[in-house]
N, C-alpha and C. Protein backbone atom coordinates (compact mmCIF):
# COMPACT_ATOMS: atom_id res chain seq x y z
N MET A 1 111.26 108.46 118.74
CA MET A 1 110.86 108.16 117.37
C MET A 1 111.25 109.33 116.46
N VAL A 2 112.07 109.04 115.49
CA VAL A 2 112.56 110.09 114.59
C VAL A 2 111.63 110.21 113.40
N VAL A 3 111.21 111.43 113.11
CA VAL A 3 110.31 111.67 111.98
C VAL A 3 111.11 111.68 110.68
N PRO A 4 110.71 110.88 109.70
CA PRO A 4 111.41 110.91 108.41
C PRO A 4 111.21 112.27 107.74
N GLY A 5 112.09 112.59 106.81
CA GLY A 5 111.90 113.81 106.04
C GLY A 5 110.72 113.64 105.09
N GLN A 6 109.71 114.44 105.25
CA GLN A 6 108.50 114.31 104.43
C GLN A 6 108.36 115.52 103.52
N ILE A 7 108.38 115.27 102.23
CA ILE A 7 108.15 116.34 101.25
C ILE A 7 106.64 116.52 101.12
N ARG A 8 106.17 117.74 101.31
CA ARG A 8 104.73 118.00 101.28
C ARG A 8 104.38 119.03 100.22
N ARG A 9 103.34 118.75 99.46
CA ARG A 9 102.79 119.70 98.50
C ARG A 9 101.34 119.97 98.91
N TRP A 10 101.08 121.22 99.30
CA TRP A 10 99.76 121.59 99.79
C TRP A 10 98.91 122.15 98.65
N HIS A 11 97.71 121.60 98.48
CA HIS A 11 96.79 122.06 97.44
C HIS A 11 95.51 122.51 98.15
N ALA A 12 95.29 123.81 98.22
CA ALA A 12 94.15 124.35 98.96
C ALA A 12 92.98 124.64 98.01
N TYR A 13 91.77 124.27 98.45
CA TYR A 13 90.56 124.46 97.65
C TYR A 13 89.50 125.17 98.47
N PRO A 14 88.68 126.00 97.82
CA PRO A 14 87.70 126.80 98.56
C PRO A 14 86.52 126.01 99.11
N SER A 15 86.32 124.79 98.64
CA SER A 15 85.20 123.99 99.14
C SER A 15 85.54 122.51 99.10
N LEU A 16 84.84 121.74 99.90
CA LEU A 16 85.03 120.30 99.94
C LEU A 16 84.67 119.67 98.60
N GLN A 17 83.64 120.18 97.95
CA GLN A 17 83.19 119.63 96.68
C GLN A 17 84.26 119.77 95.61
N ILE A 18 84.90 120.92 95.55
CA ILE A 18 85.97 121.14 94.56
C ILE A 18 87.16 120.24 94.88
N LEU A 19 87.48 120.13 96.16
CA LEU A 19 88.58 119.26 96.60
C LEU A 19 88.33 117.82 96.13
N GLN A 20 87.12 117.33 96.36
CA GLN A 20 86.79 115.95 95.97
C GLN A 20 86.84 115.77 94.46
N GLN A 21 86.37 116.77 93.72
CA GLN A 21 86.38 116.66 92.26
C GLN A 21 87.81 116.65 91.72
N GLU A 22 88.67 117.48 92.28
CA GLU A 22 90.06 117.52 91.84
C GLU A 22 90.76 116.21 92.16
N ALA A 23 90.48 115.66 93.34
CA ALA A 23 91.08 114.37 93.70
C ALA A 23 90.59 113.27 92.78
N CYS A 24 89.31 113.30 92.44
CA CYS A 24 88.74 112.31 91.53
C CYS A 24 89.43 112.38 90.17
N SER A 25 89.59 113.57 89.65
CA SER A 25 90.23 113.74 88.34
C SER A 25 91.67 113.24 88.37
N MET A 26 92.39 113.54 89.46
CA MET A 26 93.77 113.11 89.57
C MET A 26 93.88 111.58 89.61
N ILE A 27 93.02 110.93 90.38
CA ILE A 27 93.06 109.48 90.48
C ILE A 27 92.78 108.83 89.12
N LEU A 28 91.78 109.32 88.41
CA LEU A 28 91.44 108.75 87.10
C LEU A 28 92.59 108.93 86.10
N GLU A 29 93.25 110.08 86.17
CA GLU A 29 94.37 110.33 85.27
C GLU A 29 95.54 109.41 85.57
N ILE A 30 95.86 109.24 86.85
CA ILE A 30 96.96 108.36 87.24
C ILE A 30 96.62 106.91 86.91
N ALA A 31 95.36 106.53 87.11
CA ALA A 31 94.93 105.17 86.79
C ALA A 31 95.11 104.89 85.30
N GLU A 32 94.69 105.82 84.48
CA GLU A 32 94.80 105.64 83.03
C GLU A 32 96.25 105.45 82.61
N LYS A 33 97.15 106.26 83.17
CA LYS A 33 98.56 106.15 82.82
C LYS A 33 99.16 104.84 83.31
N ALA A 34 98.78 104.43 84.52
CA ALA A 34 99.31 103.17 85.07
C ALA A 34 98.84 101.98 84.24
N ILE A 35 97.59 101.99 83.85
CA ILE A 35 97.04 100.88 83.07
C ILE A 35 97.69 100.83 81.68
N GLU A 36 97.91 101.99 81.10
CA GLU A 36 98.60 102.04 79.80
C GLU A 36 100.00 101.46 79.90
N LYS A 37 100.67 101.71 81.03
CA LYS A 37 102.06 101.30 81.18
C LYS A 37 102.21 99.85 81.64
N THR A 38 101.38 99.41 82.59
CA THR A 38 101.58 98.09 83.20
C THR A 38 100.36 97.18 83.10
N GLY A 39 99.21 97.72 82.73
CA GLY A 39 97.99 96.92 82.67
C GLY A 39 97.24 96.82 83.97
N ILE A 40 97.78 97.45 85.04
CA ILE A 40 97.18 97.36 86.38
C ILE A 40 97.28 98.71 87.08
N PHE A 41 96.27 99.04 87.86
CA PHE A 41 96.32 100.21 88.73
C PHE A 41 96.02 99.76 90.16
N ARG A 42 96.98 99.91 91.06
CA ARG A 42 96.84 99.48 92.45
C ARG A 42 96.60 100.71 93.33
N ILE A 43 95.45 100.73 94.00
CA ILE A 43 95.09 101.88 94.83
C ILE A 43 94.71 101.41 96.23
N VAL A 44 95.17 102.16 97.24
CA VAL A 44 94.84 101.91 98.64
C VAL A 44 93.80 102.94 99.07
N LEU A 45 92.71 102.47 99.66
CA LEU A 45 91.60 103.35 100.03
C LEU A 45 91.64 103.73 101.50
N ALA A 46 91.07 104.90 101.78
CA ALA A 46 90.91 105.40 103.15
C ALA A 46 89.44 105.35 103.55
N GLY A 47 89.18 105.40 104.84
CA GLY A 47 87.82 105.53 105.34
C GLY A 47 87.51 106.99 105.64
N GLY A 48 86.29 107.24 106.12
CA GLY A 48 85.94 108.60 106.53
C GLY A 48 84.98 109.29 105.58
N SER A 49 84.44 110.40 106.04
CA SER A 49 83.41 111.11 105.28
C SER A 49 83.98 111.85 104.07
N THR A 50 85.19 112.38 104.16
CA THR A 50 85.77 113.10 103.01
C THR A 50 86.03 112.17 101.84
N PRO A 51 86.65 111.00 102.04
CA PRO A 51 86.80 110.07 100.92
C PRO A 51 85.45 109.56 100.38
N LYS A 52 84.43 109.46 101.23
CA LYS A 52 83.15 108.95 100.76
C LYS A 52 82.61 109.78 99.60
N GLY A 53 82.70 111.11 99.71
CA GLY A 53 82.25 111.96 98.62
C GLY A 53 83.06 111.75 97.35
N LEU A 54 84.34 111.48 97.51
CA LEU A 54 85.20 111.17 96.37
C LEU A 54 84.77 109.85 95.73
N TYR A 55 84.50 108.84 96.56
CA TYR A 55 84.09 107.55 96.03
C TYR A 55 82.77 107.65 95.27
N GLU A 56 81.86 108.46 95.77
CA GLU A 56 80.58 108.64 95.08
C GLU A 56 80.80 109.24 93.68
N ARG A 57 81.77 110.11 93.57
CA ARG A 57 82.10 110.67 92.26
C ARG A 57 82.71 109.60 91.35
N LEU A 58 83.62 108.80 91.90
CA LEU A 58 84.24 107.74 91.10
C LEU A 58 83.20 106.74 90.59
N GLY A 59 82.18 106.51 91.39
CA GLY A 59 81.14 105.57 91.00
C GLY A 59 80.35 106.00 89.79
N LYS A 60 80.46 107.27 89.44
CA LYS A 60 79.74 107.80 88.27
C LYS A 60 80.64 107.97 87.05
N GLU A 61 81.92 107.63 87.21
CA GLU A 61 82.89 107.83 86.13
C GLU A 61 83.12 106.54 85.34
N LYS A 62 83.81 106.68 84.23
CA LYS A 62 84.19 105.53 83.42
C LYS A 62 85.70 105.32 83.50
N SER A 63 86.09 104.07 83.55
CA SER A 63 87.50 103.71 83.56
C SER A 63 87.61 102.25 83.16
N GLU A 64 88.81 101.79 82.97
CA GLU A 64 89.04 100.36 82.72
C GLU A 64 89.03 99.64 84.07
N TRP A 65 87.84 99.54 84.63
CA TRP A 65 87.71 99.06 86.01
C TRP A 65 88.29 97.67 86.20
N ALA A 66 88.25 96.84 85.18
CA ALA A 66 88.77 95.47 85.32
C ALA A 66 90.26 95.44 85.62
N SER A 67 90.94 96.56 85.37
CA SER A 67 92.39 96.64 85.60
C SER A 67 92.73 97.28 86.95
N TRP A 68 91.71 97.64 87.72
CA TRP A 68 91.96 98.23 89.05
C TRP A 68 92.11 97.12 90.09
N LYS A 69 93.06 97.32 91.00
CA LYS A 69 93.19 96.45 92.17
C LYS A 69 93.05 97.32 93.42
N ILE A 70 92.15 96.92 94.29
CA ILE A 70 91.77 97.73 95.45
C ILE A 70 92.34 97.13 96.72
N TYR A 71 92.95 97.99 97.53
CA TYR A 71 93.46 97.61 98.85
C TYR A 71 92.93 98.63 99.87
N PHE A 72 93.07 98.32 101.14
CA PHE A 72 92.59 99.22 102.19
C PHE A 72 93.72 99.56 103.15
N GLY A 73 93.78 100.83 103.54
CA GLY A 73 94.83 101.29 104.44
C GLY A 73 94.63 100.85 105.86
N ASP A 74 93.36 100.68 106.25
CA ASP A 74 93.07 100.20 107.60
C ASP A 74 91.63 99.72 107.66
N GLU A 75 91.32 99.03 108.76
CA GLU A 75 89.96 98.55 108.96
C GLU A 75 89.69 98.39 110.44
N ARG A 76 88.42 98.53 110.80
CA ARG A 76 87.99 98.34 112.18
C ARG A 76 87.57 96.89 112.38
N CYS A 77 87.90 96.34 113.53
CA CYS A 77 87.58 94.94 113.81
C CYS A 77 86.11 94.83 114.22
N LEU A 78 85.28 94.83 113.20
CA LEU A 78 83.82 94.76 113.33
C LEU A 78 83.31 93.77 112.29
N PRO A 79 82.07 93.29 112.43
CA PRO A 79 81.51 92.39 111.41
C PRO A 79 81.52 93.04 110.03
N PRO A 80 81.61 92.24 108.96
CA PRO A 80 81.70 92.79 107.61
C PRO A 80 80.55 93.71 107.22
N ASP A 81 79.37 93.48 107.81
CA ASP A 81 78.21 94.29 107.46
C ASP A 81 77.95 95.44 108.44
N HIS A 82 78.92 95.70 109.31
CA HIS A 82 78.76 96.80 110.28
C HIS A 82 78.88 98.14 109.55
N PRO A 83 77.99 99.09 109.84
CA PRO A 83 78.02 100.37 109.11
C PRO A 83 79.29 101.18 109.27
N GLU A 84 80.13 100.87 110.27
CA GLU A 84 81.37 101.62 110.46
C GLU A 84 82.58 100.95 109.81
N ARG A 85 82.34 99.88 109.06
CA ARG A 85 83.45 99.26 108.34
C ARG A 85 83.84 100.13 107.13
N ASN A 86 85.12 100.39 106.97
CA ASN A 86 85.61 101.16 105.83
C ASN A 86 85.28 100.47 104.51
N SER A 87 85.40 99.15 104.49
CA SER A 87 85.14 98.41 103.26
C SER A 87 83.68 98.51 102.85
N LEU A 88 82.75 98.45 103.80
CA LEU A 88 81.33 98.56 103.47
C LEU A 88 81.02 99.92 102.88
N MET A 89 81.59 100.98 103.46
CA MET A 89 81.38 102.32 102.93
C MET A 89 81.88 102.42 101.50
N ALA A 90 83.04 101.87 101.22
CA ALA A 90 83.60 101.92 99.88
C ALA A 90 82.74 101.13 98.89
N PHE A 91 82.24 99.97 99.32
CA PHE A 91 81.36 99.18 98.45
C PHE A 91 80.06 99.92 98.15
N ASP A 92 79.44 100.46 99.19
CA ASP A 92 78.13 101.10 99.02
C ASP A 92 78.21 102.35 98.15
N SER A 93 79.28 103.11 98.31
CA SER A 93 79.38 104.40 97.62
C SER A 93 80.03 104.32 96.24
N TRP A 94 80.76 103.20 95.97
CA TRP A 94 81.52 103.14 94.72
C TRP A 94 81.70 101.74 94.15
N LEU A 95 82.33 100.85 94.89
CA LEU A 95 82.80 99.59 94.33
C LEU A 95 81.67 98.71 93.79
N SER A 96 80.50 98.78 94.41
CA SER A 96 79.37 97.97 93.93
C SER A 96 78.74 98.54 92.68
N LEU A 97 79.15 99.75 92.29
CA LEU A 97 78.53 100.44 91.15
C LEU A 97 79.35 100.31 89.87
N VAL A 98 80.55 99.75 89.97
CA VAL A 98 81.43 99.63 88.80
C VAL A 98 81.88 98.18 88.65
N ASP A 99 82.48 97.88 87.50
CA ASP A 99 82.81 96.49 87.17
C ASP A 99 84.24 96.11 87.55
N ILE A 100 84.59 96.31 88.81
CA ILE A 100 85.87 95.82 89.31
C ILE A 100 85.67 94.36 89.72
N PRO A 101 86.45 93.42 89.17
CA PRO A 101 86.28 92.00 89.54
C PRO A 101 86.42 91.79 91.05
N GLU A 102 85.61 90.91 91.58
CA GLU A 102 85.62 90.65 93.02
C GLU A 102 87.01 90.24 93.51
N GLU A 103 87.72 89.47 92.69
CA GLU A 103 89.04 89.00 93.11
C GLU A 103 90.08 90.12 93.13
N ASN A 104 89.74 91.28 92.57
CA ASN A 104 90.65 92.42 92.58
C ASN A 104 90.43 93.33 93.78
N ILE A 105 89.45 93.03 94.61
CA ILE A 105 89.15 93.86 95.78
C ILE A 105 89.63 93.12 97.02
N HIS A 106 90.67 93.62 97.63
CA HIS A 106 91.34 92.95 98.74
C HIS A 106 90.94 93.57 100.07
N VAL A 107 89.86 93.05 100.62
CA VAL A 107 89.32 93.55 101.89
C VAL A 107 90.14 92.98 103.05
N ILE A 108 90.34 93.78 104.09
CA ILE A 108 91.00 93.31 105.31
C ILE A 108 89.98 92.51 106.12
N GLU A 109 90.32 91.27 106.46
CA GLU A 109 89.40 90.42 107.23
C GLU A 109 89.48 90.76 108.72
N ALA A 110 89.09 91.98 109.04
CA ALA A 110 89.24 92.47 110.41
C ALA A 110 88.27 91.81 111.37
N GLU A 111 87.21 91.20 110.85
CA GLU A 111 86.26 90.49 111.72
C GLU A 111 86.91 89.30 112.42
N LEU A 112 88.08 88.87 111.93
CA LEU A 112 88.81 87.76 112.54
C LEU A 112 89.62 88.19 113.76
N GLY A 113 89.64 89.49 114.03
CA GLY A 113 90.44 90.02 115.13
C GLY A 113 91.73 90.62 114.61
N PRO A 114 92.37 91.49 115.40
CA PRO A 114 93.55 92.21 114.91
C PRO A 114 94.72 91.33 114.53
N GLU A 115 95.01 90.30 115.30
CA GLU A 115 96.19 89.48 115.01
C GLU A 115 95.99 88.61 113.78
N GLU A 116 94.88 87.86 113.75
CA GLU A 116 94.64 86.96 112.62
C GLU A 116 94.36 87.74 111.35
N GLY A 117 93.57 88.82 111.47
CA GLY A 117 93.28 89.64 110.29
C GLY A 117 94.52 90.28 109.71
N ALA A 118 95.41 90.76 110.59
CA ALA A 118 96.67 91.36 110.13
C ALA A 118 97.56 90.32 109.48
N SER A 119 97.60 89.12 110.07
CA SER A 119 98.42 88.06 109.50
C SER A 119 97.96 87.69 108.10
N ARG A 120 96.66 87.60 107.90
CA ARG A 120 96.13 87.23 106.58
C ARG A 120 96.39 88.34 105.55
N TYR A 121 96.26 89.58 105.99
CA TYR A 121 96.49 90.67 105.03
C TYR A 121 97.97 90.78 104.69
N ARG A 122 98.80 90.51 105.68
CA ARG A 122 100.25 90.50 105.46
C ARG A 122 100.62 89.44 104.42
N GLN A 123 99.99 88.28 104.54
CA GLN A 123 100.25 87.20 103.59
C GLN A 123 99.75 87.56 102.20
N MET A 124 98.58 88.19 102.13
CA MET A 124 98.00 88.58 100.85
C MET A 124 98.89 89.59 100.13
N LEU A 125 99.53 90.48 100.88
CA LEU A 125 100.35 91.53 100.29
C LEU A 125 101.71 91.02 99.80
N LYS A 126 102.08 89.81 100.19
CA LYS A 126 103.38 89.28 99.76
C LYS A 126 103.43 89.23 98.24
N GLY A 127 104.49 89.76 97.69
CA GLY A 127 104.63 89.78 96.25
C GLY A 127 104.01 90.99 95.59
N THR A 128 103.25 91.78 96.37
CA THR A 128 102.69 93.03 95.84
C THR A 128 103.72 94.12 96.05
N GLY A 129 104.15 94.72 94.98
CA GLY A 129 105.18 95.75 95.09
C GLY A 129 104.62 97.11 95.43
N GLU A 130 105.16 98.10 94.78
CA GLU A 130 104.79 99.48 95.04
C GLU A 130 103.35 99.75 94.62
N PHE A 131 102.58 100.41 95.49
CA PHE A 131 101.24 100.84 95.11
C PHE A 131 101.35 102.01 94.12
N ASP A 132 100.37 102.12 93.25
CA ASP A 132 100.34 103.28 92.35
C ASP A 132 99.80 104.52 93.06
N PHE A 133 98.85 104.30 93.99
CA PHE A 133 98.21 105.45 94.64
C PHE A 133 97.76 105.03 96.03
N VAL A 134 98.07 105.85 97.02
CA VAL A 134 97.60 105.64 98.39
C VAL A 134 96.80 106.86 98.81
N LEU A 135 95.57 106.62 99.22
CA LEU A 135 94.69 107.69 99.68
C LEU A 135 94.58 107.63 101.20
N LEU A 136 94.76 108.77 101.85
CA LEU A 136 94.74 108.84 103.31
C LEU A 136 93.92 110.03 103.78
N GLY A 137 93.48 109.95 105.03
CA GLY A 137 92.81 111.07 105.67
C GLY A 137 93.64 111.55 106.86
N LEU A 138 93.08 112.49 107.58
CA LEU A 138 93.75 113.05 108.77
C LEU A 138 92.73 113.22 109.87
N GLY A 139 93.04 112.67 111.06
CA GLY A 139 92.15 112.81 112.20
C GLY A 139 92.44 114.07 113.00
N GLU A 140 91.54 114.39 113.90
CA GLU A 140 91.70 115.59 114.75
C GLU A 140 92.98 115.54 115.56
N ASP A 141 93.43 114.33 115.90
CA ASP A 141 94.64 114.16 116.71
C ASP A 141 95.88 113.93 115.85
N GLY A 142 95.73 114.06 114.53
CA GLY A 142 96.86 113.86 113.63
C GLY A 142 97.04 112.44 113.16
N HIS A 143 96.12 111.54 113.55
CA HIS A 143 96.29 110.15 113.11
C HIS A 143 95.91 110.02 111.64
N THR A 144 96.43 108.98 111.02
CA THR A 144 96.06 108.61 109.66
C THR A 144 95.99 107.10 109.60
N ALA A 145 95.12 106.55 108.72
CA ALA A 145 94.78 105.13 108.77
C ALA A 145 94.41 104.82 110.23
N SER A 146 94.97 103.77 110.82
CA SER A 146 94.76 103.53 112.26
C SER A 146 96.08 103.64 113.01
N LEU A 147 96.86 104.65 112.61
CA LEU A 147 98.14 104.97 113.26
C LEU A 147 97.91 106.17 114.16
N PHE A 148 97.84 105.93 115.47
CA PHE A 148 97.47 106.97 116.42
C PHE A 148 98.69 107.53 117.16
N PRO A 149 98.60 108.77 117.61
CA PRO A 149 99.73 109.37 118.34
C PRO A 149 99.95 108.66 119.68
N GLY A 150 101.21 108.67 120.09
CA GLY A 150 101.57 108.10 121.38
C GLY A 150 101.69 106.59 121.38
N LYS A 151 101.63 105.97 120.21
CA LYS A 151 101.72 104.51 120.12
C LYS A 151 103.03 104.09 119.45
N LYS A 152 103.51 102.92 119.83
CA LYS A 152 104.67 102.34 119.15
C LYS A 152 104.15 101.37 118.10
N TRP A 153 104.50 101.63 116.87
CA TRP A 153 103.99 100.81 115.77
C TRP A 153 104.91 99.64 115.52
N GLN A 154 104.30 98.49 115.29
CA GLN A 154 105.07 97.28 115.01
C GLN A 154 105.81 97.42 113.68
N GLU A 155 106.85 96.62 113.55
CA GLU A 155 107.55 96.53 112.29
C GLU A 155 106.74 95.68 111.32
N GLY A 156 107.03 95.81 110.04
CA GLY A 156 106.34 94.99 109.05
C GLY A 156 105.32 95.79 108.27
N ASP A 157 104.61 95.09 107.38
CA ASP A 157 103.69 95.75 106.46
C ASP A 157 102.34 96.04 107.07
N VAL A 158 101.87 95.16 107.97
CA VAL A 158 100.51 95.27 108.51
C VAL A 158 100.57 95.20 110.03
N ILE A 159 99.85 96.11 110.68
CA ILE A 159 99.91 96.27 112.13
C ILE A 159 98.59 95.85 112.77
N ALA A 160 98.66 95.05 113.83
CA ALA A 160 97.50 94.75 114.66
C ALA A 160 97.38 95.82 115.74
N VAL A 161 96.27 96.51 115.78
CA VAL A 161 96.05 97.61 116.72
C VAL A 161 95.08 97.14 117.80
N HIS A 162 95.49 97.24 119.07
CA HIS A 162 94.66 96.74 120.17
C HIS A 162 94.09 97.85 121.07
N ASP A 163 94.66 99.01 121.05
CA ASP A 163 94.26 100.02 122.03
C ASP A 163 94.06 101.39 121.39
N ALA A 164 93.36 101.42 120.28
CA ALA A 164 93.10 102.71 119.62
C ALA A 164 92.29 103.61 120.55
N PRO A 165 92.62 104.90 120.61
CA PRO A 165 91.90 105.81 121.50
C PRO A 165 90.48 106.14 121.02
N LYS A 166 90.19 105.79 119.76
CA LYS A 166 88.83 105.97 119.23
C LYS A 166 88.19 104.60 119.06
N PRO A 167 86.89 104.47 119.35
CA PRO A 167 86.26 103.17 119.17
C PRO A 167 86.13 102.83 117.68
N PRO A 168 86.20 101.53 117.37
CA PRO A 168 86.54 100.44 118.28
C PRO A 168 88.03 100.40 118.55
N PRO A 169 88.43 99.90 119.72
CA PRO A 169 89.86 99.89 120.05
C PRO A 169 90.69 98.92 119.24
N GLU A 170 90.07 97.89 118.71
CA GLU A 170 90.80 96.89 117.92
C GLU A 170 90.65 97.18 116.43
N ARG A 171 91.79 97.29 115.74
CA ARG A 171 91.82 97.65 114.33
C ARG A 171 93.00 96.96 113.66
N ILE A 172 93.08 97.13 112.36
CA ILE A 172 94.22 96.66 111.58
C ILE A 172 94.63 97.80 110.65
N SER A 173 95.93 98.02 110.52
CA SER A 173 96.40 99.13 109.71
C SER A 173 97.65 98.74 108.93
N LEU A 174 97.77 99.27 107.73
CA LEU A 174 99.06 99.20 107.06
C LEU A 174 100.04 100.08 107.83
N SER A 175 101.29 99.70 107.82
CA SER A 175 102.33 100.41 108.57
C SER A 175 102.76 101.67 107.81
N PRO A 176 103.43 102.60 108.50
CA PRO A 176 103.95 103.78 107.79
C PRO A 176 104.86 103.41 106.62
N SER A 177 105.70 102.40 106.80
CA SER A 177 106.62 102.04 105.72
C SER A 177 105.87 101.46 104.52
N ARG A 178 104.80 100.68 104.78
CA ARG A 178 104.05 100.09 103.66
C ARG A 178 103.21 101.15 102.95
N LEU A 179 102.64 102.06 103.70
CA LEU A 179 101.89 103.15 103.08
C LEU A 179 102.81 104.07 102.28
N SER A 180 104.06 104.13 102.66
CA SER A 180 105.04 104.97 101.97
C SER A 180 105.58 104.32 100.71
N LEU A 181 105.34 103.03 100.55
CA LEU A 181 105.82 102.31 99.37
C LEU A 181 104.81 102.53 98.24
N ALA A 182 104.84 103.73 97.68
CA ALA A 182 103.84 104.12 96.69
C ALA A 182 104.39 105.19 95.76
N LYS A 183 103.90 105.17 94.54
CA LYS A 183 104.30 106.18 93.57
C LYS A 183 103.64 107.53 93.88
N LYS A 184 102.43 107.47 94.46
CA LYS A 184 101.70 108.69 94.78
C LYS A 184 100.94 108.49 96.07
N VAL A 185 101.09 109.43 97.01
CA VAL A 185 100.33 109.42 98.25
C VAL A 185 99.59 110.74 98.36
N CYS A 186 98.29 110.66 98.61
CA CYS A 186 97.48 111.87 98.69
C CYS A 186 96.62 111.83 99.96
N PHE A 187 96.69 112.90 100.74
CA PHE A 187 95.82 113.09 101.89
C PHE A 187 94.65 113.99 101.50
N LEU A 188 93.46 113.66 101.97
CA LEU A 188 92.29 114.53 101.85
C LEU A 188 91.96 115.05 103.23
N VAL A 189 91.92 116.37 103.38
CA VAL A 189 91.73 116.96 104.71
C VAL A 189 90.62 118.01 104.64
N SER A 190 89.58 117.81 105.44
CA SER A 190 88.48 118.77 105.49
C SER A 190 87.89 118.79 106.90
N GLY A 191 87.17 119.85 107.22
CA GLY A 191 86.51 119.95 108.51
C GLY A 191 87.28 120.81 109.50
N GLY A 192 86.58 121.72 110.13
CA GLY A 192 87.22 122.68 111.05
C GLY A 192 87.92 122.04 112.22
N SER A 193 87.49 120.85 112.63
CA SER A 193 88.10 120.19 113.78
C SER A 193 89.54 119.74 113.51
N LYS A 194 89.96 119.77 112.23
CA LYS A 194 91.32 119.33 111.88
C LYS A 194 92.35 120.46 111.92
N LYS A 195 91.89 121.67 112.27
CA LYS A 195 92.77 122.83 112.14
C LYS A 195 94.04 122.72 112.98
N GLN A 196 93.91 122.23 114.23
CA GLN A 196 95.10 122.12 115.08
C GLN A 196 96.05 121.06 114.55
N ALA A 197 95.51 119.95 114.09
CA ALA A 197 96.37 118.89 113.53
C ALA A 197 97.12 119.40 112.32
N VAL A 198 96.44 120.18 111.47
CA VAL A 198 97.09 120.75 110.29
C VAL A 198 98.19 121.71 110.71
N SER A 199 97.91 122.54 111.70
CA SER A 199 98.92 123.49 112.19
C SER A 199 100.14 122.75 112.74
N ASP A 200 99.91 121.68 113.50
CA ASP A 200 101.02 120.89 114.03
C ASP A 200 101.84 120.28 112.91
N TRP A 201 101.16 119.77 111.91
CA TRP A 201 101.82 119.13 110.76
C TRP A 201 102.68 120.13 110.02
N ARG A 202 102.10 121.29 109.75
CA ARG A 202 102.82 122.31 108.98
C ARG A 202 104.01 122.88 109.75
N SER A 203 103.95 122.82 111.07
CA SER A 203 105.05 123.35 111.89
C SER A 203 106.13 122.30 112.16
N GLY A 204 105.92 121.08 111.66
CA GLY A 204 106.95 120.05 111.79
C GLY A 204 106.84 119.15 112.99
N LYS A 205 105.71 119.21 113.72
CA LYS A 205 105.55 118.33 114.86
C LYS A 205 105.33 116.89 114.39
N PRO A 206 105.77 115.91 115.17
CA PRO A 206 105.72 114.50 114.73
C PRO A 206 104.36 113.85 114.89
N ILE A 207 103.36 114.35 114.18
CA ILE A 207 102.07 113.68 114.18
C ILE A 207 102.17 112.42 113.32
N PRO A 208 101.30 111.44 113.52
CA PRO A 208 101.40 110.20 112.74
C PRO A 208 101.43 110.41 111.23
N ALA A 209 100.66 111.36 110.72
CA ALA A 209 100.63 111.59 109.27
C ALA A 209 102.00 111.94 108.72
N SER A 210 102.86 112.52 109.55
CA SER A 210 104.18 112.94 109.08
C SER A 210 105.12 111.77 108.84
N PHE A 211 104.73 110.56 109.30
CA PHE A 211 105.58 109.39 109.12
C PHE A 211 105.33 108.68 107.79
N ILE A 212 104.36 109.16 107.04
CA ILE A 212 104.14 108.62 105.69
C ILE A 212 105.03 109.42 104.77
N ALA A 213 106.13 108.83 104.34
CA ALA A 213 107.17 109.59 103.66
C ALA A 213 107.70 108.85 102.42
N PRO A 214 106.90 108.77 101.38
CA PRO A 214 107.40 108.18 100.13
C PRO A 214 108.47 109.06 99.51
N GLU A 215 109.31 108.47 98.68
CA GLU A 215 110.39 109.23 98.06
C GLU A 215 109.86 110.41 97.25
N SER A 216 108.70 110.25 96.64
CA SER A 216 108.14 111.31 95.80
C SER A 216 107.43 112.39 96.60
N GLY A 217 107.31 112.22 97.91
CA GLY A 217 106.60 113.19 98.72
C GLY A 217 105.12 112.90 98.76
N VAL A 218 104.38 113.74 99.49
CA VAL A 218 102.93 113.57 99.61
C VAL A 218 102.22 114.82 99.11
N ASP A 219 101.03 114.61 98.56
CA ASP A 219 100.16 115.71 98.15
C ASP A 219 99.02 115.79 99.15
N ILE A 220 98.73 117.00 99.61
CA ILE A 220 97.70 117.21 100.61
C ILE A 220 96.63 118.12 100.01
N PHE A 221 95.45 117.53 99.75
CA PHE A 221 94.31 118.27 99.25
C PHE A 221 93.52 118.73 100.47
N ILE A 222 93.41 120.05 100.64
CA ILE A 222 92.90 120.58 101.90
C ILE A 222 91.97 121.77 101.64
N GLU A 223 90.99 121.92 102.50
CA GLU A 223 90.12 123.10 102.43
C GLU A 223 90.91 124.35 102.81
N SER A 224 90.74 125.40 102.04
CA SER A 224 91.51 126.63 102.26
C SER A 224 91.37 127.17 103.68
N SER A 225 90.21 127.01 104.28
CA SER A 225 89.96 127.57 105.61
C SER A 225 90.85 126.97 106.67
N LEU A 226 91.43 125.81 106.41
CA LEU A 226 92.25 125.15 107.42
C LEU A 226 93.68 125.65 107.44
N ILE A 227 94.09 126.38 106.43
CA ILE A 227 95.47 126.89 106.42
C ILE A 227 95.51 128.41 106.23
N GLY A 228 94.38 129.05 106.42
CA GLY A 228 94.32 130.50 106.22
C GLY A 228 95.01 131.26 107.33
């Protein structure tokens, strides 16, 4: 597997709170510009504890929420009300607090299983062009979304995952190529357990995160302690 050339811009912050606030400000600014230009802002959300703090901040902000369209980078094949669902976390911390129309929130139907859920999300994405913003995280093993190391990823926009090394094993994920089809891609990275993955990434090792390679490059918002 050949790693694409990935342009990286590292933004180091002294605390997680400052990192989340800076990411929040950047998203709101990009959203405003996109809405002014096209009338729509398309954003892909990530799961995890670091994005949760960002979402809580967004839930307290003002924006032209009716013009936002929400997508998800991945989802776990669990019931919709399961506490480990990425979509439930996003709803509880942000989406239920603002006036984004229900039809603008495109949840992955992962409760249908990896194959059927991926097929439906693939169909939903047809005709959807470049995302305005893709938000991603980084796992201890270098994974992002539900793209794990040592796996062969299917072709196409949406991947059915059957053997993830972290529970639950069945998941659905956007592919590296679909996540790369974006005007802006931003990773949020925090927590001491990510230090080795960050070191591998910075040294050019082919971790899954390195396969997200939009033409404009990626921005990595990271705690300073992880690259010191």
